[in-house]
PDB file of N, CA and C in Angstrom:
ATOM      1  N   MET A   1      19.613  28.481 -16.926  1.00  0.00           N
ATOM      2  CA  MET A   1      19.330  27.352 -16.362  1.00  0.00           C
ATOM      3  C   MET A   1      17.847  27.092 -15.806  1.00  0.00           C
ATOM      4  N   THR A   2      17.326  25.990 -16.036  1.00  0.00           N
ATOM      5  CA  THR A   2      15.945  25.581 -15.844  1.00  0.00           C
ATOM      6  C   THR A   2      15.685  25.688 -14.250  1.00  0.00           C
ATOM      7  N   ALA A   3      14.455  26.142 -13.906  1.00  0.00           N
ATOM      8  CA  ALA A   3      14.029  26.073 -12.517  1.00  0.00           C
ATOM      9  C   ALA A   3      12.768  25.176 -12.459  1.00  0.00           C
ATOM     10  N   TYR A   4      12.683  24.339 -11.359  1.00  0.00           N
ATOM     11  CA  TYR A   4      11.603  23.695 -11.119  1.00  0.00           C
ATOM     12  C   TYR A   4      11.439  23.747  -9.668  1.00  0.00           C
ATOM     13  N   ASN A   5      10.036  24.029  -9.353  1.00  0.00           N
ATOM     14  CA  ASN A   5       9.623  24.074  -7.881  1.00  0.00           C
ATOM     15  C   ASN A   5       8.702  22.925  -7.571  1.00  0.00           C
ATOM     16  N   PHE A   6       9.131  22.161  -6.739  1.00  0.00           N
ATOM     17  CA  PHE A   6       8.318  21.029  -6.069  1.00  0.00           C
ATOM     18  C   PHE A   6       6.955  21.574  -5.650  1.00  0.00           C
ATOM     19  N   PRO A   7       6.066  20.655  -5.563  1.00  0.00           N
ATOM     20  CA  PRO A   7       4.659  21.208  -5.086  1.00  0.00           C
ATOM     21  C   PRO A   7       5.005  21.207  -3.612  1.00  0.00           C
ATOM     22  N   ASN A   8       4.173  22.002  -2.824  1.00  0.00           N
ATOM     23  CA  ASN A   8       4.206  21.979  -1.363  1.00  0.00           C
ATOM     24  C   ASN A   8       3.960  20.708  -0.731  1.00  0.00           C
ATOM     25  N   HIS A   9       4.840  20.360   0.344  1.00  0.00           N
ATOM     26  CA  HIS A   9       4.872  19.191   0.908  1.00  0.00           C
ATOM     27  C   HIS A   9       4.653  19.394   2.356  1.00  0.00           C
ATOM     28  N   ARG A  10       3.706  18.416   3.185  1.00  0.00           N
ATOM     29  CA  ARG A  10       3.631  18.551   4.477  1.00  0.00           C
ATOM     30  C   ARG A  10       4.489  17.895   5.344  1.00  0.00           C
ATOM     31  N   LYS A  11       5.054  18.590   6.491  1.00  0.00           N
ATOM     32  CA  LYS A  11       6.021  18.164   7.322  1.00  0.00           C
ATOM     33  C   LYS A  11       5.673  16.718   7.781  1.00  0.00           C
ATOM     34  N   GLY A  12       6.596  15.750   7.601  1.00  0.00           N
ATOM     35  CA  GLY A  12       6.375  14.466   8.153  1.00  0.00           C
ATOM     36  C   GLY A  12       5.603  13.517   7.254  1.00  0.00           C
ATOM     37  N   ASP A  13       5.290  13.965   6.129  1.00  0.00           N
ATOM     38  CA  ASP A  13       4.766  13.129   5.063  1.00  0.00           C
ATOM     39  C   ASP A  13       5.688  12.496   4.367  1.00  0.00           C
ATOM     40  N   THR A  14       5.242  11.363   3.559  1.00  0.00           N
ATOM     41  CA  THR A  14       6.320  10.801   2.645  1.00  0.00           C
ATOM     42  C   THR A  14       6.308  11.636   1.292  1.00  0.00           C
ATOM     43  N   PHE A  15       7.420  11.889   1.031  1.00  0.00           N
ATOM     44  CA  PHE A  15       7.869  12.326  -0.478  1.00  0.00           C
ATOM     45  C   PHE A  15       7.914  11.109  -1.458  1.00  0.00           C
ATOM     46  N   ARG A  16       6.868  11.032  -2.313  1.00  0.00           N
ATOM     47  CA  ARG A  16       6.919  10.081  -3.246  1.00  0.00           C
ATOM     48  C   ARG A  16       8.012   9.875  -4.221  1.00  0.00           C
ATOM     49  N   SER A  17       8.532   8.650  -4.701  1.00  0.00           N
ATOM     50  CA  SER A  17       9.324   8.504  -5.572  1.00  0.00           C
ATOM     51  C   SER A  17       9.020   9.271  -6.872  1.00  0.00           C
ATOM     52  N   ARG A  18      10.031   9.827  -7.379  1.00  0.00           N
ATOM     53  CA  ARG A  18       9.896  10.640  -8.583  1.00  0.00           C
ATOM     54  C   ARG A  18      10.936  10.101  -9.749  1.00  0.00           C
ATOM     55  N   GLN A  19      10.637  10.013 -10.857  1.00  0.00           N
ATOM     56  CA  GLN A  19      11.504   9.864 -11.995  1.00  0.00           C
ATOM     57  C   GLN A  19      12.113  10.974 -12.828  1.00  0.00           C
ATOM     58  N   ILE A  20      13.241  11.167 -13.000  1.00  0.00           N
ATOM     59  CA  ILE A  20      13.774  12.420 -13.709  1.00  0.00           C
ATOM     60  C   ILE A  20      14.453  11.953 -14.955  1.00  0.00           C
ATOM     61  N   ASN A  21      14.001  12.428 -16.057  1.00  0.00           N
ATOM     62  CA  ASN A  21      14.611  12.001 -17.354  1.00  0.00           C
ATOM     63  C   ASN A  21      15.613  13.189 -17.776  1.00  0.00           C
ATOM     64  N   LEU A  22      16.939  13.167 -17.735  1.00  0.00           N
ATOM     65  CA  LEU A  22      17.785  14.217 -18.028  1.00  0.00           C
ATOM     66  C   LEU A  22      18.117  14.029 -19.579  1.00  0.00           C
ATOM     67  N   GLY A  23      17.843  13.175 -20.284  1.00  0.00           N
ATOM     68  CA  GLY A  23      18.091  13.021 -21.680  1.00  0.00           C
ATOM     69  C   GLY A  23      19.329  13.139 -22.316  1.00  0.00           C
ATOM     70  N   PHE A  24      20.197  12.717 -21.517  1.00  0.00           N
ATOM     71  CA  PHE A  24      21.626  12.223 -22.085  1.00  0.00           C
ATOM     72  C   PHE A  24      22.247  11.355 -21.197  1.00  0.00           C
ATOM     73  N   ASN A  25      23.458  10.797 -21.724  1.00  0.00           N
ATOM     74  CA  ASN A  25      24.250   9.673 -21.003  1.00  0.00           C
ATOM     75  C   ASN A  25      24.810   9.988 -19.737  1.00  0.00           C
ATOM     76  N   ILE A  26      24.602   9.492 -18.697  1.00  0.00           N
ATOM     77  CA  ILE A  26      25.177   9.746 -17.440  1.00  0.00           C
ATOM     78  C   ILE A  26      25.986   8.656 -16.931  1.00  0.00           C
ATOM     79  N   THR A  27      26.448   7.677 -17.821  1.00  0.00           N
ATOM     80  CA  THR A  27      27.300   6.758 -17.306  1.00  0.00           C
ATOM     81  C   THR A  27      28.482   7.261 -16.558  1.00  0.00           C
ATOM     82  N   GLY A  28      28.856   6.614 -15.324  1.00  0.00           N
ATOM     83  CA  GLY A  28      29.930   6.946 -14.584  1.00  0.00           C
ATOM     84  C   GLY A  28      29.896   8.344 -13.948  1.00  0.00           C
ATOM     85  N   ALA A  29      28.664   8.969 -13.880  1.00  0.00           N
ATOM     86  CA  ALA A  29      28.569  10.288 -13.190  1.00  0.00           C
ATOM     87  C   ALA A  29      27.966  10.150 -11.760  1.00  0.00           C
ATOM     88  N   THR A  30      28.203  11.134 -11.066  1.00  0.00           N
ATOM     89  CA  THR A  30      27.706  11.161  -9.677  1.00  0.00           C
ATOM     90  C   THR A  30      26.661  12.340  -9.584  1.00  0.00           C
ATOM     91  N   ILE A  31      25.547  12.222  -9.153  1.00  0.00           N
ATOM     92  CA  ILE A  31      24.557  13.133  -9.221  1.00  0.00           C
ATOM     93  C   ILE A  31      24.007  13.443  -7.750  1.00  0.00           C
ATOM     94  N   LYS A  32      23.859  14.622  -7.342  1.00  0.00           N
ATOM     95  CA  LYS A  32      23.318  15.124  -6.129  1.00  0.00           C
ATOM     96  C   LYS A  32      22.494  16.240  -6.176  1.00  0.00           C
ATOM     97  N   MET A  33      21.469  16.349  -5.424  1.00  0.00           N
ATOM     98  CA  MET A  33      20.546  17.339  -5.094  1.00  0.00           C
ATOM     99  C   MET A  33      20.530  17.741  -3.898  1.00  0.00           C
ATOM    100  N   GLN A  34      21.015  18.832  -3.352  1.00  0.00           N
ATOM    101  CA  GLN A  34      20.954  19.313  -1.864  1.00  0.00           C
ATOM    102  C   GLN A  34      19.906  20.273  -1.674  1.00  0.00           C
ATOM    103  N   PHE A  35      19.245  20.061  -0.514  1.00  0.00           N
ATOM    104  CA  PHE A  35      18.189  21.169  -0.055  1.00  0.00           C
ATOM    105  C   PHE A  35      18.547  21.702   1.102  1.00  0.00           C
ATOM    106  N   ARG A  36      18.829  23.269   1.073  1.00  0.00           N
ATOM    107  CA  ARG A  36      18.998  23.895   2.327  1.00  0.00           C
ATOM    108  C   ARG A  36      18.102  25.044   2.270  1.00  0.00           C
ATOM    109  N   LEU A  37      17.984  25.796   3.763  1.00  0.00           N
ATOM    110  CA  LEU A  37      17.277  26.915   3.889  1.00  0.00           C
ATOM    111  C   LEU A  37      18.109  28.062   3.272  1.00  0.00           C
ATOM    112  N   LEU A  38      17.443  28.967   2.829  1.00  0.00           N
ATOM    113  CA  LEU A  38      17.816  30.264   2.075  1.00  0.00           C
ATOM    114  C   LEU A  38      18.671  30.824   2.962  1.00  0.00           C
ATOM    115  N   GLY A  39      20.090  30.914   2.561  1.00  0.00           N
ATOM    116  CA  GLY A  39      21.041  31.688   3.335  1.00  0.00           C
ATOM    117  C   GLY A  39      21.814  30.662   4.344  1.00  0.00           C
ATOM    118  N   ALA A  40      21.415  29.264   4.468  1.00  0.00           N
ATOM    119  CA  ALA A  40      22.140  28.255   5.208  1.00  0.00           C
ATOM    120  C   ALA A  40      23.329  27.975   4.525  1.00  0.00           C
ATOM    121  N   SER A  41      24.411  27.514   5.362  1.00  0.00           N
ATOM    122  CA  SER A  41      25.695  27.056   4.705  1.00  0.00           C
ATOM    123  C   SER A  41      25.602  25.680   4.640  1.00  0.00           C
ATOM    124  N   ASN A  42      24.949  24.920   5.597  1.00  0.00           N
ATOM    125  CA  ASN A  42      24.785  23.329   5.476  1.00  0.00           C
ATOM    126  C   ASN A  42      23.307  23.045   4.735  1.00  0.00           C
ATOM    127  N   PHE A  43      23.377  21.983   4.122  1.00  0.00           N
ATOM    128  CA  PHE A  43      22.241  21.259   3.562  1.00  0.00           C
ATOM    129  C   PHE A  43      21.466  20.681   4.597  1.00  0.00           C
ATOM    130  N   SER A  44      20.030  20.642   4.573  1.00  0.00           N
ATOM    131  CA  SER A  44      19.236  20.147   5.254  1.00  0.00           C
ATOM    132  C   SER A  44      18.991  18.333   4.900  1.00  0.00           C
ATOM    133  N   PHE A  45      18.759  18.192   3.523  1.00  0.00           N
ATOM    134  CA  PHE A  45      18.494  16.964   3.213  1.00  0.00           C
ATOM    135  C   PHE A  45      18.938  16.744   1.806  1.00  0.00           C
ATOM    136  N   GLU A  46      19.256  15.723   1.180  1.00  0.00           N
ATOM    137  CA  GLU A  46      19.563  15.524  -0.099  1.00  0.00           C
ATOM    138  C   GLU A  46      19.226  14.153  -0.783  1.00  0.00           C
ATOM    139  N   TRP A  47      19.261  14.128  -2.103  1.00  0.00           N
ATOM    140  CA  TRP A  47      19.247  12.840  -2.800  1.00  0.00           C
ATOM    141  C   TRP A  47      20.472  12.726  -3.513  1.00  0.00           C
ATOM    142  N   SER A  48      21.103  11.563  -3.595  1.00  0.00           N
ATOM    143  CA  SER A  48      22.492  11.469  -4.270  1.00  0.00           C
ATOM    144  C   SER A  48      22.692   9.910  -4.653  1.00  0.00           C
ATOM    145  N   THR A  49      23.422   9.871  -5.731  1.00  0.00           N
ATOM    146  CA  THR A  49      23.886   8.686  -6.158  1.00  0.00           C
ATOM    147  C   THR A  49      24.824   8.007  -5.187  1.00  0.00           C
ATOM    148  N   THR A  50      25.756   8.851  -4.538  1.00  0.00           N
ATOM    149  CA  THR A  50      26.580   8.318  -3.646  1.00  0.00           C
ATOM    150  C   THR A  50      25.883   7.608  -2.505  1.00  0.00           C
ATOM    151  N   ASN A  51      24.829   8.052  -1.916  1.00  0.00           N
ATOM    152  CA  ASN A  51      24.062   7.342  -0.718  1.00  0.00           C
ATOM    153  C   ASN A  51      22.813   6.611  -1.360  1.00  0.00           C
ATOM    154  N   ASN A  52      22.940   6.359  -2.381  1.00  0.00           N
ATOM    155  CA  ASN A  52      21.654   5.615  -3.214  1.00  0.00           C
ATOM    156  C   ASN A  52      20.287   6.076  -2.824  1.00  0.00           C
ATOM    157  N   THR A  53      19.998   7.388  -2.694  1.00  0.00           N
ATOM    158  CA  THR A  53      18.830   8.006  -2.745  1.00  0.00           C
ATOM    159  C   THR A  53      18.542   8.353  -4.159  1.00  0.00           C
ATOM    160  N   PHE A  54      19.174   8.561  -4.830  1.00  0.00           N
ATOM    161  CA  PHE A  54      19.164   8.668  -6.331  1.00  0.00           C
ATOM    162  C   PHE A  54      19.479   7.363  -6.956  1.00  0.00           C
ATOM    163  N   LEU A  55      18.632   6.629  -7.818  1.00  0.00           N
ATOM    164  CA  LEU A  55      18.949   5.489  -8.217  1.00  0.00           C
ATOM    165  C   LEU A  55      19.043   5.855  -9.825  1.00  0.00           C
ATOM    166  N   VAL A  56      19.959   5.289 -10.689  1.00  0.00           N
ATOM    167  CA  VAL A  56      20.116   5.177 -12.036  1.00  0.00           C
ATOM    168  C   VAL A  56      19.338   4.137 -12.721  1.00  0.00           C
ATOM    169  N   THR A  57      18.154   4.500 -13.153  1.00  0.00           N
ATOM    170  CA  THR A  57      17.398   3.750 -13.868  1.00  0.00           C
ATOM    171  C   THR A  57      17.941   3.216 -15.010  1.00  0.00           C
ATOM    172  N   ASN A  58      18.362   4.143 -15.925  1.00  0.00           N
ATOM    173  CA  ASN A  58      18.832   4.066 -17.411  1.00  0.00           C
ATOM    174  C   ASN A  58      20.077   5.041 -17.601  1.00  0.00           C
ATOM    175  N   ALA A  59      21.194   4.609 -17.308  1.00  0.00           N
ATOM    176  CA  ALA A  59      22.446   5.556 -17.610  1.00  0.00           C
ATOM    177  C   ALA A  59      22.492   6.156 -18.943  1.00  0.00           C
ATOM    178  N   THR A  60      22.358   5.277 -19.748  1.00  0.00           N
ATOM    179  CA  THR A  60      22.497   5.661 -21.501  1.00  0.00           C
ATOM    180  C   THR A  60      21.528   6.739 -21.705  1.00  0.00           C
ATOM    181  N   LEU A  61      20.166   6.722 -21.237  1.00  0.00           N
ATOM    182  CA  LEU A  61      19.115   7.655 -21.506  1.00  0.00           C
ATOM    183  C   LEU A  61      19.228   8.821 -20.397  1.00  0.00           C
ATOM    184  N   GLY A  62      19.793   8.793 -19.437  1.00  0.00           N
ATOM    185  CA  GLY A  62      19.954   9.618 -18.388  1.00  0.00           C
ATOM    186  C   GLY A  62      18.949   9.695 -17.501  1.00  0.00           C
ATOM    187  N   ILE A  63      18.165   8.478 -17.213  1.00  0.00           N
ATOM    188  CA  ILE A  63      16.969   8.365 -16.374  1.00  0.00           C
ATOM    189  C   ILE A  63      17.275   7.943 -15.049  1.00  0.00           C
ATOM    190  N   ILE A  64      16.957   8.886 -13.988  1.00  0.00           N
ATOM    191  CA  ILE A  64      17.259   8.606 -12.441  1.00  0.00           C
ATOM    192  C   ILE A  64      15.871   8.622 -11.746  1.00  0.00           C
ATOM    193  N   THR A  65      15.940   7.895 -10.536  1.00  0.00           N
ATOM    194  CA  THR A  65      14.745   7.934  -9.680  1.00  0.00           C
ATOM    195  C   THR A  65      14.965   8.455  -8.252  1.00  0.00           C
ATOM    196  N   MET A  66      14.422   9.288  -7.873  1.00  0.00           N
ATOM    197  CA  MET A  66      14.498   9.834  -6.557  1.00  0.00           C
ATOM    198  C   MET A  66      13.635   8.782  -5.768  1.00  0.00           C
ATOM    199  N   SER A  67      14.386   8.283  -4.611  1.00  0.00           N
ATOM    200  CA  SER A  67      13.994   7.341  -3.809  1.00  0.00           C
ATOM    201  C   SER A  67      12.878   8.072  -2.827  1.00  0.00           C
ATOM    202  N   LYS A  68      11.645   7.353  -2.373  1.00  0.00           N
ATOM    203  CA  LYS A  68      10.699   7.846  -1.594  1.00  0.00           C
ATOM    204  C   LYS A  68      11.403   8.087  -0.144  1.00  0.00           C
ATOM    205  N   ARG A  69      10.821   9.090   0.662  1.00  0.00           N
ATOM    206  CA  ARG A  69      11.497   9.169   2.059  1.00  0.00           C
ATOM    207  C   ARG A  69      10.410  10.189   2.542  1.00  0.00           C
ATOM    208  N   ILE A  70      10.568  10.023   3.979  1.00  0.00           N
ATOM    209  CA  ILE A  70       9.694  10.972   4.912  1.00  0.00           C
ATOM    210  C   ILE A  70      10.492  12.416   5.061  1.00  0.00           C
ATOM    211  N   LEU A  71       9.809  13.530   4.710  1.00  0.00           N
ATOM    212  CA  LEU A  71      10.469  14.747   4.864  1.00  0.00           C
ATOM    213  C   LEU A  71       9.876  15.500   6.162  1.00  0.00           C
ATOM    214  N   ASP A  72      10.673  15.149   7.209  1.00  0.00           N
ATOM    215  CA  ASP A  72      10.053  15.578   8.582  1.00  0.00           C
ATOM    216  C   ASP A  72      11.342  16.731   8.992  1.00  0.00           C
ATOM    217  N   PHE A  73      11.125  17.933   8.405  1.00  0.00           N
ATOM    218  CA  PHE A  73      11.992  19.047   8.335  1.00  0.00           C
ATOM    219  C   PHE A  73      11.264  20.235   8.733  1.00  0.00           C
ATOM    220  N   LYS A  74      11.871  21.283   9.588  1.00  0.00           N
ATOM    221  CA  LYS A  74      11.320  22.380  10.026  1.00  0.00           C
ATOM    222  C   LYS A  74      10.520  22.968   8.639  1.00  0.00           C
ATOM    223  N   PRO A  75       9.245  23.345   8.803  1.00  0.00           N
ATOM    224  CA  PRO A  75       8.361  24.269   7.862  1.00  0.00           C
ATOM    225  C   PRO A  75       9.003  25.370   7.396  1.00  0.00           C
ATOM    226  N   ASP A  76       9.312  25.562   5.981  1.00  0.00           N
ATOM    227  CA  ASP A  76      10.018  26.730   5.541  1.00  0.00           C
ATOM    228  C   ASP A  76      10.194  26.363   4.138  1.00  0.00           C
ATOM    229  N   THR A  77      10.829  27.263   3.336  1.00  0.00           N
ATOM    230  CA  THR A  77      11.061  27.041   1.796  1.00  0.00           C
ATOM    231  C   THR A  77      12.541  26.838   1.943  1.00  0.00           C
ATOM    232  N   TYR A  78      12.715  25.680   1.188  1.00  0.00           N
ATOM    233  CA  TYR A  78      14.075  24.919   0.927  1.00  0.00           C
ATOM    234  C   TYR A  78      14.577  25.216  -0.467  1.00  0.00           C
ATOM    235  N   ILE A  79      15.609  25.599  -0.774  1.00  0.00           N
ATOM    236  CA  ILE A  79      16.181  25.849  -2.196  1.00  0.00           C
ATOM    237  C   ILE A  79      17.032  24.630  -2.383  1.00  0.00           C
ATOM    238  N   TYR A  80      17.171  24.260  -3.787  1.00  0.00           N
ATOM    239  CA  TYR A  80      18.340  23.240  -4.266  1.00  0.00           C
ATOM    240  C   TYR A  80      18.666  23.504  -5.600  1.00  0.00           C
ATOM    241  N   ASP A  81      19.620  22.715  -5.902  1.00  0.00           N
ATOM    242  CA  ASP A  81      19.802  22.548  -7.342  1.00  0.00           C
ATOM    243  C   ASP A  81      20.256  21.154  -7.588  1.00  0.00           C
ATOM    244  N   LEU A  82      20.404  20.751  -8.882  1.00  0.00           N
ATOM    245  CA  LEU A  82      20.794  19.473  -9.280  1.00  0.00           C
ATOM    246  C   LEU A  82      22.183  19.493  -9.799  1.00  0.00           C
ATOM    247  N   GLN A  83      23.194  18.750  -9.413  1.00  0.00           N
ATOM    248  CA  GLN A  83      24.581  18.996  -9.887  1.00  0.00           C
ATOM    249  C   GLN A  83      25.184  17.613 -10.396  1.00  0.00           C
ATOM    250  N   ILE A  84      25.735  17.529 -11.415  1.00  0.00           N
ATOM    251  CA  ILE A  84      26.206  16.233 -12.019  1.00  0.00           C
ATOM    252  C   ILE A  84      27.710  16.490 -12.044  1.00  0.00           C
ATOM    253  N   THR A  85      28.622  15.393 -11.589  1.00  0.00           N
ATOM    254  CA  THR A  85      30.023  15.430 -11.780  1.00  0.00           C
ATOM    255  C   THR A  85      30.146  14.139 -12.797  1.00  0.00           C
ATOM    256  N   ASP A  86      30.445  14.576 -13.944  1.00  0.00           N
ATOM    257  CA  ASP A  86      30.565  13.469 -14.941  1.00  0.00           C
ATOM    258  C   ASP A  86      31.954  12.624 -14.789  1.00  0.00           C
ATOM    259  N   SER A  87      31.988  11.714 -15.666  1.00  0.00           N
ATOM    260  CA  SER A  87      33.275  10.718 -15.787  1.00  0.00           C
ATOM    261  C   SER A  87      34.495  11.479 -15.841  1.00  0.00           C
ATOM    262  N   ASN A  88      34.497  12.703 -16.497  1.00  0.00           N
ATOM    263  CA  ASN A  88      35.876  13.301 -16.514  1.00  0.00           C
ATOM    264  C   ASN A  88      36.089  14.236 -15.396  1.00  0.00           C
ATOM    265  N   SER A  89      35.055  14.344 -14.292  1.00  0.00           N
ATOM    266  CA  SER A  89      35.224  15.062 -13.184  1.00  0.00           C
ATOM    267  C   SER A  89      34.697  16.648 -13.437  1.00  0.00           C
ATOM    268  N   ASP A  90      34.167  16.786 -14.678  1.00  0.00           N
ATOM    269  CA  ASP A  90      33.560  18.164 -14.793  1.00  0.00           C
ATOM    270  C   ASP A  90      32.170  18.190 -14.075  1.00  0.00           C
ATOM    271  N   VAL A  91      31.987  19.326 -13.446  1.00  0.00           N
ATOM    272  CA  VAL A  91      30.726  19.667 -12.548  1.00  0.00           C
ATOM    273  C   VAL A  91      29.765  20.606 -13.398  1.00  0.00           C
ATOM    274  N   THR A  92      28.633  20.289 -13.396  1.00  0.00           N
ATOM    275  CA  THR A  92      27.606  20.990 -14.118  1.00  0.00           C
ATOM    276  C   THR A  92      26.257  21.086 -13.147  1.00  0.00           C
ATOM    277  N   THR A  93      25.825  22.248 -13.156  1.00  0.00           N
ATOM    278  CA  THR A  93      24.646  22.308 -12.389  1.00  0.00           C
ATOM    279  C   THR A  93      23.402  22.360 -13.521  1.00  0.00           C
ATOM    280  N   TYR A  94      22.250  21.423 -13.585  1.00  0.00           N
ATOM    281  CA  TYR A  94      21.615  21.597 -14.536  1.00  0.00           C
ATOM    282  C   TYR A  94      20.243  22.123 -14.316  1.00  0.00           C
ATOM    283  N   PHE A  95      19.612  22.176 -13.182  1.00  0.00           N
ATOM    284  CA  PHE A  95      18.424  22.910 -12.962  1.00  0.00           C
ATOM    285  C   PHE A  95      18.495  23.264 -11.169  1.00  0.00           C
ATOM    286  N   GLU A  96      17.594  24.209 -10.934  1.00  0.00           N
ATOM    287  CA  GLU A  96      17.260  24.557  -9.478  1.00  0.00           C
ATOM    288  C   GLU A  96      15.884  24.821  -9.271  1.00  0.00           C
ATOM    289  N   GLY A  97      15.606  25.112  -7.887  1.00  0.00           N
ATOM    290  CA  GLY A  97      14.409  25.327  -7.709  1.00  0.00           C
ATOM    291  C   GLY A  97      14.156  25.300  -6.188  1.00  0.00           C
ATOM    292  N   SER A  98      12.845  25.066  -5.659  1.00  0.00           N
ATOM    293  CA  SER A  98      12.647  25.293  -4.227  1.00  0.00           C
ATOM    294  C   SER A  98      11.426  24.016  -3.933  1.00  0.00           C
ATOM    295  N   ILE A  99      11.232  24.035  -2.471  1.00  0.00           N
ATOM    296  CA  ILE A  99      10.087  23.220  -2.227  1.00  0.00           C
ATOM    297  C   ILE A  99       9.728  23.884  -0.817  1.00  0.00           C
ATOM    298  N   LEU A 100       8.438  23.993  -0.696  1.00  0.00           N
ATOM    299  CA  LEU A 100       8.020  24.528   0.649  1.00  0.00           C
ATOM    300  C   LEU A 100       7.444  23.489   1.502  1.00  0.00           C
ATOM    301  N   ILE A 101       8.014  23.240   2.807  1.00  0.00           N
ATOM    302  CA  ILE A 101       7.384  22.320   3.535  1.00  0.00           C
ATOM    303  C   ILE A 101       6.473  23.131   4.572  1.00  0.00           C
ATOM    304  N   VAL A 102       5.341  22.590   4.647  1.00  0.00           N
ATOM    305  CA  VAL A 102       4.155  23.433   5.373  1.00  0.00           C
ATOM    306  C   VAL A 102       3.903  22.456   6.709  1.00  0.00           C
ATOM    307  N   GLN A 103       3.458  23.086   7.668  1.00  0.00           N
ATOM    308  CA  GLN A 103       3.124  22.418   8.906  1.00  0.00           C
ATOM    309  C   GLN A 103       2.134  21.334   8.769  1.00  0.00           C
ATOM    310  N   ASP A 104       2.307  20.392   9.346  1.00  0.00           N
ATOM    311  CA  ASP A 104       1.226  19.371   9.360  1.00  0.00           C
ATOM    312  C   ASP A 104       0.243  19.428  10.522  1.00  0.00           C
ATOM    313  N   LYS A 105      -1.005  19.395  10.579  1.00  0.00           N
ATOM    314  CA  LYS A 105      -1.846  19.617  11.797  1.00  0.00           C
ATOM    315  C   LYS A 105      -2.012  18.408  12.571  1.00  0.00           C
ATOM    316  N   THR A 106      -1.993  17.310  12.161  1.00  0.00           N
ATOM    317  CA  THR A 106      -2.048  16.137  12.854  1.00  0.00           C
ATOM    318  C   THR A 106      -0.558  15.581  13.315  1.00  0.00           C
ATOM    319  N   VAL A 107      -0.578  15.170  14.725  1.00  0.00           N
ATOM    320  CA  VAL A 107       0.715  14.647  15.092  1.00  0.00           C
ATOM    321  C   VAL A 107       0.625  13.278  15.699  1.00  0.00           C
TER     322      VAL A 107
END
Protein backbone atom coordinates (compact mmCIF):
# COMPACT_ATOMS: atom_id res chain seq x y z
CA MET A 1 0.00 0.00 0.00
CA THR A 2 1.19 3.48 -0.82
CA ALA A 3 1.82 5.95 2.01
CA TYR A 4 1.38 9.73 1.73
CA ASN A 5 1.96 12.07 4.67
CA PHE A 6 0.43 15.51 4.31
CA PRO A 7 2.63 18.52 5.15
CA ASN A 8 2.31 19.87 8.70
CA HIS A 9 -0.78 22.04 9.15
CA ARG A 10 -1.41 24.84 11.68
CA LYS A 11 -4.46 24.44 13.95
CA GLY A 12 -7.28 26.73 12.79
CA ASP A 13 -5.79 27.42 9.34
CA THR A 14 -7.52 26.61 6.06
CA PHE A 15 -6.57 23.29 4.50
CA ARG A 16 -6.46 24.18 0.81
CA SER A 17 -8.33 22.23 -1.83
CA ARG A 18 -6.30 19.36 -3.33
CA GLN A 19 -6.86 17.22 -6.38
CA ILE A 20 -6.15 13.48 -6.27
CA ASN A 21 -5.72 11.46 -9.46
CA LEU A 22 -6.49 7.80 -8.75
CA GLY A 23 -5.98 6.80 -12.40
CA PHE A 24 -8.94 4.40 -12.73
CA ASN A 25 -12.69 4.59 -13.26
CA ILE A 26 -14.62 5.39 -10.07
CA THR A 27 -18.11 5.70 -11.56
CA GLY A 28 -20.66 4.79 -8.89
CA ALA A 29 -18.05 4.55 -6.11
CA THR A 30 -18.17 5.95 -2.59
CA ILE A 31 -14.88 7.40 -1.37
CA LYS A 32 -13.90 8.34 2.16
CA MET A 33 -10.78 9.42 3.98
CA GLN A 34 -11.10 9.47 7.77
CA PHE A 35 -8.53 11.04 10.10
CA ARG A 36 -8.18 9.86 13.70
CA LEU A 37 -5.72 10.11 16.54
CA LEU A 38 -3.50 7.06 16.84
CA GLY A 39 -5.34 4.49 18.95
CA ALA A 40 -8.70 6.33 18.81
CA SER A 41 -11.80 4.40 17.81
CA ASN A 42 -13.68 7.42 16.45
CA PHE A 43 -12.49 9.62 13.61
CA SER A 44 -11.93 13.34 14.20
CA PHE A 45 -12.62 14.57 10.65
CA GLU A 46 -13.14 13.19 7.18
CA TRP A 47 -13.49 13.88 3.50
CA SER A 48 -16.18 11.81 1.77
CA THR A 49 -18.27 11.70 -1.38
CA THR A 50 -21.24 11.02 0.92
CA ASN A 51 -21.01 14.45 2.59
CA ASN A 52 -19.71 16.22 -0.56
CA THR A 53 -16.32 17.10 0.90
CA PHE A 54 -14.80 14.90 -1.81
CA LEU A 55 -15.99 16.01 -5.23
CA VAL A 56 -15.68 13.67 -8.20
CA THR A 57 -14.10 15.88 -10.86
CA ASN A 58 -13.82 13.15 -13.53
CA ALA A 59 -15.21 9.69 -12.65
CA THR A 60 -13.84 7.98 -15.77
CA LEU A 61 -10.25 9.09 -15.06
CA GLY A 62 -10.63 8.75 -11.28
CA ILE A 63 -10.02 12.39 -10.41
CA ILE A 64 -11.39 13.67 -7.10
CA THR A 65 -10.99 16.97 -5.28
CA MET A 66 -10.73 17.48 -1.53
CA SER A 67 -12.79 20.53 -0.56
CA LYS A 68 -11.03 23.25 1.41
CA ARG A 69 -11.88 23.50 5.08
CA ILE A 70 -10.57 24.87 8.36
CA LEU A 71 -8.80 22.24 10.45
CA ASP A 72 -9.34 23.42 14.01
CA PHE A 73 -8.44 20.23 15.84
CA LYS A 74 -6.22 19.34 18.78
CA PRO A 75 -2.54 19.63 17.83
CA ASP A 76 -1.32 16.07 17.35
CA THR A 77 -0.59 13.49 14.65
CA TYR A 78 -3.66 12.12 12.88
CA ILE A 79 -3.54 8.95 10.79
CA TYR A 80 -5.80 8.23 7.83
CA ASP A 81 -6.46 5.96 4.90
CA LEU A 82 -8.42 6.39 1.68
CA GLN A 83 -11.06 3.73 1.13
CA ILE A 84 -13.20 3.18 -1.95
CA THR A 85 -16.41 1.17 -2.09
CA ASP A 86 -16.98 0.43 -5.78
CA SER A 87 -20.29 -0.07 -7.60
CA ASN A 88 -20.11 -3.83 -6.75
CA SER A 89 -19.83 -2.98 -3.00
CA ASP A 90 -16.20 -4.17 -2.94
CA VAL A 91 -14.12 -2.17 -0.44
CA THR A 92 -10.45 -1.41 -1.13
CA THR A 93 -8.01 0.74 0.82
CA TYR A 94 -5.68 2.48 -1.64
CA PHE A 95 -3.31 4.55 0.46
CA GLU A 96 -2.64 5.73 3.99
CA GLY A 97 -0.60 8.25 5.89
CA SER A 98 -0.71 11.01 8.46
CA ILE A 99 -0.94 14.73 9.07
CA LEU A 100 0.57 16.66 11.97
CA ILE A 101 -1.55 19.52 13.22
CA VAL A 102 0.68 21.98 15.06
CA GLN A 103 -0.33 24.66 17.58
CA ASP A 104 -1.07 28.07 16.12
CA LYS A 105 0.55 30.96 17.98
CA THR A 106 -2.00 33.65 17.02
CA VAL A 107 -5.52 33.41 18.43
